[in-house]
Amino acid sequence: MKKNRHNISAIAAVLGLALSVTACSVDDGADTFNSLVAQRDRTEQAAAEESAAAESRAAEASRQAEASRAAEASREAEASRAAQASRSAEASRSAAASRSRQAERDAAAAQQQQQQEPTEQWPSPPATPSGGGGPAMEWFPKGPFAYQSTCGQNSDQWPANVTECFKMSDGWYYYALRQAA
């Protein structure tokens, strides 16, 4: 753009010089000289207009390039946000699936452990005595007690029949006789 302006200015200067020389060497008078000066002015004006138009085109191209870069940056930012949201959603789904799998494993382990543990068998209570016309009686387990001695002391205080103390997984028990409800 600057090169064109310099070229046009150089041409105009050469033309002006040539016109001046011609005007001096030709004895046509002032009309020829004025014609040459007017021609030089038109050439300079055309060069200035061409230069302004070139600058305007360059400015417009620069604005379009900047708008294109801004649009591209906006598209890239949106794509980055979408990718981040996708990664975040995937991480949430993965964490939920992991928790679900862990819960399933825990439930399966608990079920397996329950299946492997033998169910504890309580000793059978003694045969229920026949009331002989009195109120109906029943045996019930009493406990748990932390120690066998505590179980024995408590059974000694029971007003009706009791069995010997026996050990279960959670402590000591005995069967006691009571009136059936």
Protein backbone atom coordinates (compact mmCIF):
# COMPACT_ATOMS: atom_id res chain seq x y z
CA MET A 1 0.00 0.00 0.00
CA LYS A 2 2.78 2.44 0.93
CA LYS A 3 4.75 1.22 -2.07
CA ASN A 4 1.87 2.15 -4.40
CA ARG A 5 1.62 5.62 -2.83
CA HIS A 6 5.36 6.19 -3.27
CA ASN A 7 5.23 4.95 -6.87
CA ILE A 8 2.31 7.22 -7.69
CA SER A 9 3.97 10.18 -5.97
CA ALA A 10 7.21 9.51 -7.86
CA ILE A 11 5.36 9.33 -11.18
CA ALA A 12 3.56 12.56 -10.42
CA ALA A 13 6.82 14.29 -9.51
CA VAL A 14 8.53 13.10 -12.69
CA LEU A 15 5.57 14.15 -14.73
CA GLY A 16 5.56 17.53 -13.03
CA LEU A 17 9.23 17.98 -13.76
CA ALA A 18 8.76 16.94 -17.35
CA LEU A 19 5.90 19.34 -17.66
CA SER A 20 7.93 22.11 -16.19
CA VAL A 21 10.81 21.47 -18.57
CA THR A 22 8.45 21.22 -21.48
CA ALA A 23 6.71 24.39 -20.49
CA CYS A 24 9.97 26.24 -20.23
CA SER A 25 11.28 24.98 -23.54
CA VAL A 26 8.10 25.50 -25.47
CA ASP A 27 6.96 28.94 -26.04
CA ASP A 28 3.26 28.14 -26.13
CA GLY A 29 2.48 30.34 -23.36
CA ALA A 30 0.71 30.08 -20.07
CA ASP A 31 -2.14 27.88 -21.35
CA THR A 32 0.10 24.90 -22.01
CA PHE A 33 1.77 25.31 -18.64
CA ASN A 34 -1.56 25.56 -16.84
CA SER A 35 -2.81 22.48 -18.69
CA LEU A 36 0.22 20.51 -17.55
CA VAL A 37 -0.16 21.65 -13.93
CA ALA A 38 -3.85 20.68 -13.99
CA GLN A 39 -2.92 17.26 -15.39
CA ARG A 40 -0.35 16.83 -12.63
CA ASP A 41 -2.94 17.79 -10.00
CA ARG A 42 -5.43 15.25 -11.37
CA THR A 43 -2.75 12.54 -11.32
CA GLU A 44 -1.86 13.38 -7.70
CA GLN A 45 -5.55 13.42 -6.73
CA ALA A 46 -6.12 10.02 -8.41
CA ALA A 47 -3.09 8.65 -6.58
CA ALA A 48 -4.39 10.00 -3.26
CA GLU A 49 -7.86 8.52 -3.89
CA GLU A 50 -6.35 5.16 -4.83
CA SER A 51 -4.21 5.24 -1.68
CA ALA A 52 -7.24 6.05 0.51
CA ALA A 53 -9.25 3.25 -1.13
CA ALA A 54 -6.39 0.79 -0.54
CA GLU A 55 -6.15 1.83 3.11
CA SER A 56 -9.92 1.43 3.49
CA ARG A 57 -9.79 -2.08 1.96
CA ALA A 58 -6.89 -3.01 4.24
CA ALA A 59 -8.76 -1.71 7.33
CA GLU A 60 -11.88 -3.66 6.34
CA ALA A 61 -9.83 -6.82 5.78
CA SER A 62 -8.22 -6.33 9.19
CA ARG A 63 -11.67 -5.90 10.86
CA GLN A 64 -12.94 -9.05 9.13
CA ALA A 65 -9.87 -11.02 10.17
CA GLU A 66 -10.30 -9.87 13.79
CA ALA A 67 -14.01 -10.79 13.72
CA SER A 68 -13.10 -14.21 12.29
CA ARG A 69 -10.48 -14.77 15.04
CA ALA A 70 -12.99 -13.72 17.71
CA ALA A 71 -15.64 -16.09 16.30
CA GLU A 72 -13.10 -18.93 16.18
CA ALA A 73 -12.03 -18.25 19.78
CA SER A 74 -15.69 -18.26 20.84
CA ARG A 75 -16.30 -21.60 19.08
CA GLU A 76 -13.17 -23.07 20.72
CA ALA A 77 -14.26 -21.84 24.17
CA GLU A 78 -17.74 -23.32 23.68
CA ALA A 79 -16.24 -26.62 22.52
CA SER A 80 -13.95 -26.63 25.57
CA ARG A 81 -16.91 -25.99 27.92
CA ALA A 82 -18.92 -28.74 26.25
CA ALA A 83 -15.99 -31.17 26.55
CA GLN A 84 -15.53 -30.26 30.23
CA ALA A 85 -19.25 -30.77 30.90
CA SER A 86 -19.08 -34.12 29.13
CA ARG A 87 -16.05 -35.19 31.19
CA SER A 88 -17.79 -34.06 34.39
CA ALA A 89 -20.97 -35.98 33.53
CA GLU A 90 -18.91 -39.07 32.67
CA ALA A 91 -17.04 -38.81 35.98
CA SER A 92 -20.35 -38.57 37.86
CA ARG A 93 -21.74 -41.60 36.02
CA SER A 94 -18.52 -43.50 36.69
CA ALA A 95 -18.58 -42.64 40.40
CA ALA A 96 -22.26 -43.67 40.67
CA ALA A 97 -21.55 -46.94 38.87
CA SER A 98 -18.58 -47.57 41.16
CA ARG A 99 -20.70 -46.93 44.27
CA SER A 100 -23.40 -49.23 42.89
CA ARG A 101 -20.89 -52.01 42.19
CA GLN A 102 -19.43 -51.60 45.70
CA ALA A 103 -22.89 -51.79 47.27
CA GLU A 104 -23.62 -54.95 45.26
CA ARG A 105 -20.30 -56.49 46.39
CA ASP A 106 -21.04 -55.57 50.02
CA ALA A 107 -24.54 -57.07 49.84
CA ALA A 108 -23.20 -60.25 48.23
CA ALA A 109 -20.48 -60.54 50.89
CA ALA A 110 -23.00 -60.06 53.69
CA GLN A 111 -25.32 -62.66 52.17
CA GLN A 112 -22.45 -65.11 51.72
CA GLN A 113 -21.33 -64.57 55.31
CA GLN A 114 -24.87 -65.20 56.56
CA GLN A 115 -25.04 -68.37 54.50
CA GLN A 116 -21.69 -69.57 55.81
CA GLU A 117 -22.43 -68.89 59.46
CA PRO A 118 -24.39 -71.75 60.92
CA THR A 119 -27.53 -70.60 62.59
CA GLU A 120 -27.22 -70.89 66.31
CA GLN A 121 -29.32 -73.66 67.80
CA TRP A 122 -31.05 -72.98 71.08
CA PRO A 123 -31.38 -75.92 73.39
CA SER A 124 -34.90 -77.25 73.68
CA PRO A 125 -36.75 -76.24 76.81
CA PRO A 126 -37.90 -79.00 79.13
CA ALA A 127 -41.33 -80.53 78.59
CA THR A 128 -44.09 -78.30 79.79
CA PRO A 129 -45.58 -79.72 82.96
CA SER A 130 -49.27 -80.55 82.88
CA GLY A 131 -51.10 -78.17 85.13
CA GLY A 132 -53.31 -80.81 86.76
CA GLY A 133 -56.21 -78.39 86.69
CA GLY A 134 -54.11 -75.28 87.46
CA PRO A 135 -53.13 -72.44 85.14
CA ALA A 136 -51.27 -73.28 81.92
CA MET A 137 -47.50 -72.81 82.17
CA GLU A 138 -44.77 -72.19 79.56
CA TRP A 139 -40.97 -72.07 79.38
CA PHE A 140 -39.24 -68.89 78.10
CA PRO A 141 -35.58 -67.93 77.69
CA LYS A 142 -34.23 -65.40 80.18
CA GLY A 143 -31.02 -63.50 79.44
CA PRO A 144 -28.53 -62.67 78.09
CA PHE A 145 -26.19 -62.39 81.05
CA ALA A 146 -22.54 -61.41 80.68
CA TYR A 147 -21.25 -64.20 82.96
CA GLN A 148 -22.32 -67.67 83.92
CA SER A 149 -22.23 -66.71 87.57
CA THR A 150 -24.59 -63.78 86.99
CA CYS A 151 -26.95 -66.10 85.09
CA GLY A 152 -26.86 -68.59 87.99
CA GLN A 153 -27.51 -65.91 90.61
CA ASN A 154 -30.49 -64.62 88.64
CA SER A 155 -31.96 -68.09 88.11
CA ASP A 156 -31.68 -68.73 91.88
CA GLN A 157 -34.00 -65.76 92.46
CA TRP A 158 -36.71 -66.94 90.00
CA PRO A 159 -39.79 -68.08 91.91
CA ALA A 160 -40.66 -71.03 89.61
CA ASN A 161 -38.71 -73.83 87.96
CA VAL A 162 -35.60 -72.97 85.91
CA THR A 163 -33.05 -74.87 83.83
CA GLU A 164 -29.29 -74.80 84.07
CA CYS A 165 -27.59 -71.78 82.42
CA PHE A 166 -26.36 -72.32 78.85
CA LYS A 167 -24.00 -70.32 76.64
CA MET A 168 -25.12 -68.64 73.42
CA SER A 169 -23.11 -66.33 71.13
CA ASP A 170 -24.36 -63.16 72.84
CA GLY A 171 -24.23 -64.32 76.48
CA TRP A 172 -25.63 -66.75 79.07
CA TYR A 173 -29.32 -67.78 79.28
CA TYR A 174 -31.63 -70.11 81.21
CA TYR A 175 -35.22 -71.21 80.67
CA ALA A 176 -37.72 -70.14 83.30
CA LEU A 177 -41.28 -71.35 83.86
CA ARG A 178 -44.12 -68.80 83.87
CA GLN A 179 -47.87 -68.71 83.55
CA ALA A 180 -48.92 -68.74 79.88
CA ALA A 181 -50.72 -65.65 78.67
